[in-house]
Amino acid sequence: MLKKVMIKISSKCEELSNSLFERFMGNENFEEGDFDDIDYALEAALNDVATVEFDFDDEKEPEENDAIEIHTEGRLRTTADRFSLSYVESELTGMEGSTTTVSFSKANPNLLSMTRTGGVNTALIFEPEKRHICIYNTPFMPFELCVRTLSMDNRLESDGELELDYIIEIRGATAEHNTLSMKIFEIE
């Protein structure tokens, strides 16, 4: 079944003052050739997500423009085994012209993917208390990022609501704490 819906999306992004790289490896000076060993050590440490703790007191003060709320029309597609919600990004999100699709298997609603196509292309994977490595393709260059879902309340199929709390780490350079909530409304 395919139908038009209205979607209310609220998101907030706060940059963490310390990156995961600094948390695990310290703030040392590295020389050429050191990166491979450091990269492998960081990767090994990050794979043990149960030991990764975040102190949100380290967050920077939120800027006034860090929170975004948009209302947009979207397309809801449901089949016997999948749920998919698509919408076109706006200038407000900085991804104007891109289409975002949130989807999951009805058998496993706690494994959610968010794909973007258009000006940027990516597939982000969200799974509670797990870390996933994703590629983010921009018009300038692709880069790797890690998504660690702190919590997820996926009631899109039953109540039309989604709550995500997650960390995005861009290859050790910066970490952002993000929250995203979506609410689907029927169009009459």
Protein backbone atom coordinates (compact mmCIF):
# COMPACT_ATOMS: atom_id res chain seq x y z
CA MET A 1 0.00 0.00 0.00
CA LEU A 2 1.29 3.47 -0.91
CA LYS A 3 -0.18 6.66 0.50
CA LYS A 4 0.62 10.33 1.09
CA VAL A 5 1.23 11.41 4.68
CA MET A 6 2.41 14.48 6.57
CA ILE A 7 5.56 14.05 8.63
CA LYS A 8 6.72 16.15 11.56
CA ILE A 9 10.48 15.79 12.02
CA SER A 10 12.34 17.24 14.99
CA SER A 11 16.09 16.89 15.28
CA LYS A 12 18.87 18.26 17.40
CA CYS A 13 22.61 17.95 16.97
CA GLU A 14 25.20 18.79 19.63
CA GLU A 15 28.90 18.48 18.96
CA LEU A 16 30.74 16.60 21.68
CA SER A 17 33.80 18.43 22.96
CA ASN A 18 35.99 15.29 22.85
CA SER A 19 36.08 12.98 19.86
CA LEU A 20 36.20 9.22 20.32
CA PHE A 21 39.72 9.35 18.89
CA GLU A 22 40.87 11.55 21.77
CA ARG A 23 38.95 9.46 24.33
CA PHE A 24 40.77 6.26 23.30
CA MET A 25 44.12 7.44 21.96
CA GLY A 26 44.82 10.64 23.87
CA ASN A 27 45.98 13.87 22.32
CA GLU A 28 49.41 12.76 21.06
CA ASN A 29 51.44 14.07 18.16
CA PHE A 30 51.60 11.48 15.39
CA GLU A 31 54.15 11.12 12.64
CA GLU A 32 53.70 9.91 9.07
CA GLY A 33 53.17 6.14 9.03
CA ASP A 34 51.70 6.07 12.56
CA PHE A 35 48.12 6.33 11.35
CA ASP A 36 47.65 2.69 10.27
CA ASP A 37 48.55 1.31 13.71
CA ILE A 38 46.47 3.97 15.45
CA ASP A 39 43.54 3.41 13.08
CA TYR A 40 43.51 -0.35 13.74
CA ALA A 41 43.75 0.19 17.50
CA LEU A 42 40.90 2.70 17.41
CA GLU A 43 38.78 0.37 15.30
CA ALA A 44 39.37 -2.52 17.71
CA ALA A 45 38.47 -0.34 20.69
CA LEU A 46 35.33 1.01 19.07
CA ASN A 47 34.07 -2.45 18.18
CA ASP A 48 33.61 -3.20 21.86
CA VAL A 49 30.62 -0.87 22.15
CA ALA A 50 29.64 -2.16 25.58
CA THR A 51 32.67 -0.38 27.05
CA VAL A 52 32.10 2.93 25.25
CA GLU A 53 30.55 5.40 27.65
CA PHE A 54 29.70 9.00 26.87
CA ASP A 55 29.65 11.76 29.43
CA PHE A 56 27.13 14.19 28.05
CA ASP A 57 28.41 16.83 30.46
CA ASP A 58 31.21 17.17 27.86
CA GLU A 59 28.74 18.50 25.31
CA LYS A 60 29.15 22.05 24.15
CA GLU A 61 26.40 24.50 24.87
CA PRO A 62 23.77 24.08 22.16
CA GLU A 63 23.55 26.82 19.59
CA GLU A 64 20.18 28.41 19.00
CA ASN A 65 20.03 26.91 15.49
CA ASP A 66 20.98 23.36 16.57
CA ALA A 67 17.34 22.25 16.81
CA ILE A 68 15.34 21.83 13.61
CA GLU A 69 11.65 21.11 13.21
CA ILE A 70 10.06 20.60 9.83
CA HIS A 71 6.70 19.50 8.50
CA THR A 72 6.75 17.87 5.10
CA GLU A 73 4.71 15.64 2.85
CA GLY A 74 5.94 12.11 2.46
CA ARG A 75 5.11 8.74 0.97
CA LEU A 76 4.36 5.77 3.19
CA ARG A 77 4.76 2.34 1.62
CA THR A 78 3.90 -0.83 3.50
CA THR A 79 4.05 -4.40 2.31
CA ALA A 80 3.51 -7.65 4.15
CA ASP A 81 7.12 -7.58 5.42
CA ARG A 82 8.50 -3.98 5.01
CA PHE A 83 7.76 -0.46 6.18
CA SER A 84 9.16 2.49 4.22
CA LEU A 85 8.70 6.25 4.66
CA SER A 86 10.18 8.71 2.10
CA TYR A 87 10.31 12.49 1.94
CA VAL A 88 12.21 15.23 0.08
CA GLU A 89 14.69 17.21 2.18
CA SER A 90 14.37 20.99 2.36
CA GLU A 91 16.82 23.88 2.35
CA LEU A 92 16.41 24.05 6.15
CA THR A 93 18.21 20.70 6.57
CA GLY A 94 21.03 21.68 4.22
CA MET A 95 20.22 18.75 1.92
CA GLU A 96 17.78 20.40 -0.47
CA GLY A 97 16.83 18.12 -3.33
CA SER A 98 17.82 14.91 -1.58
CA THR A 99 15.25 12.21 -0.85
CA THR A 100 15.40 10.48 2.54
CA THR A 101 13.88 7.05 3.10
CA VAL A 102 13.48 5.42 6.51
CA SER A 103 12.78 1.71 6.27
CA PHE A 104 12.83 -1.53 8.24
CA SER A 105 11.69 -5.12 8.10
CA LYS A 106 8.51 -5.64 10.10
CA ALA A 107 10.14 -8.77 11.55
CA ASN A 108 12.97 -6.63 12.98
CA PRO A 109 11.86 -3.01 13.60
CA ASN A 110 14.97 -2.36 15.75
CA LEU A 111 17.23 -2.52 12.69
CA LEU A 112 16.37 0.66 10.83
CA SER A 113 18.03 2.12 7.74
CA MET A 114 17.97 5.73 6.58
CA THR A 115 19.04 6.26 2.98
CA ARG A 116 19.57 9.55 1.22
CA THR A 117 19.82 10.03 -2.52
CA GLY A 118 20.33 13.20 -4.53
CA GLY A 119 22.83 15.90 -3.50
CA VAL A 120 24.24 13.51 -0.89
CA ASN A 121 24.07 9.73 -0.98
CA THR A 122 24.31 7.57 2.10
CA ALA A 123 22.82 4.66 3.97
CA LEU A 124 22.88 4.99 7.76
CA ILE A 125 22.09 1.96 9.90
CA PHE A 126 20.52 2.32 13.35
CA GLU A 127 20.38 -0.56 15.82
CA PRO A 128 20.12 -0.04 19.60
CA GLU A 129 23.45 -0.28 21.43
CA LYS A 130 25.30 -1.19 18.21
CA ARG A 131 27.82 0.63 16.07
CA HIS A 132 27.69 0.60 12.27
CA ILE A 133 30.24 1.96 9.80
CA CYS A 134 28.63 3.85 6.92
CA ILE A 135 29.81 5.80 3.87
CA TYR A 136 28.56 9.34 3.24
CA ASN A 137 28.97 10.48 -0.38
CA THR A 138 28.96 14.25 -0.89
CA PRO A 139 29.50 16.26 -4.09
CA PHE A 140 33.04 16.95 -2.81
CA MET A 141 34.18 13.51 -1.65
CA PRO A 142 33.01 10.38 0.17
CA PHE A 143 33.90 9.86 3.82
CA GLU A 144 33.41 7.14 6.39
CA LEU A 145 31.40 7.70 9.53
CA CYS A 146 30.30 5.55 12.42
CA VAL A 147 26.76 5.53 13.80
CA ARG A 148 26.20 4.28 17.35
CA THR A 149 22.54 4.12 18.35
CA LEU A 150 22.14 4.83 22.05
CA SER A 151 18.40 4.22 22.04
CA MET A 152 15.53 3.71 19.61
CA ASP A 153 11.78 3.68 20.09
CA ASN A 154 10.38 2.60 16.72
CA ARG A 155 6.59 2.72 16.77
CA LEU A 156 6.22 3.91 13.16
CA GLU A 157 4.09 0.95 12.17
CA SER A 158 1.81 0.95 15.23
CA ASP A 159 1.60 4.63 16.30
CA GLY A 160 3.40 6.52 13.52
CA GLU A 161 6.24 7.61 15.83
CA LEU A 162 10.01 7.17 15.93
CA GLU A 163 12.54 8.36 18.52
CA LEU A 164 16.29 8.00 17.89
CA ASP A 165 19.20 8.97 20.12
CA TYR A 166 22.59 8.38 18.50
CA ILE A 167 26.22 9.39 18.16
CA ILE A 168 27.88 10.07 14.80
CA GLU A 169 31.67 9.90 14.69
CA ILE A 170 33.43 11.10 11.56
CA ARG A 171 36.61 8.97 11.48
CA GLY A 172 37.82 10.16 14.87
CA ALA A 173 37.73 13.82 13.90
CA THR A 174 34.49 14.90 15.53
CA ALA A 175 31.60 13.38 17.39
CA GLU A 176 28.00 14.59 17.42
CA HIS A 177 25.17 13.59 19.72
CA ASN A 178 21.92 13.59 17.72
CA THR A 179 18.29 13.13 18.54
CA LEU A 180 15.60 12.61 15.92
CA SER A 181 11.88 12.21 16.31
CA MET A 182 9.33 11.61 13.58
CA LYS A 183 5.54 11.65 13.73
CA ILE A 184 3.35 10.57 10.82
CA PHE A 185 -0.06 12.20 10.26
CA GLU A 186 -2.72 10.99 7.86
CA ILE A 187 -3.68 13.36 5.03
CA GLU A 188 -7.42 13.65 4.75
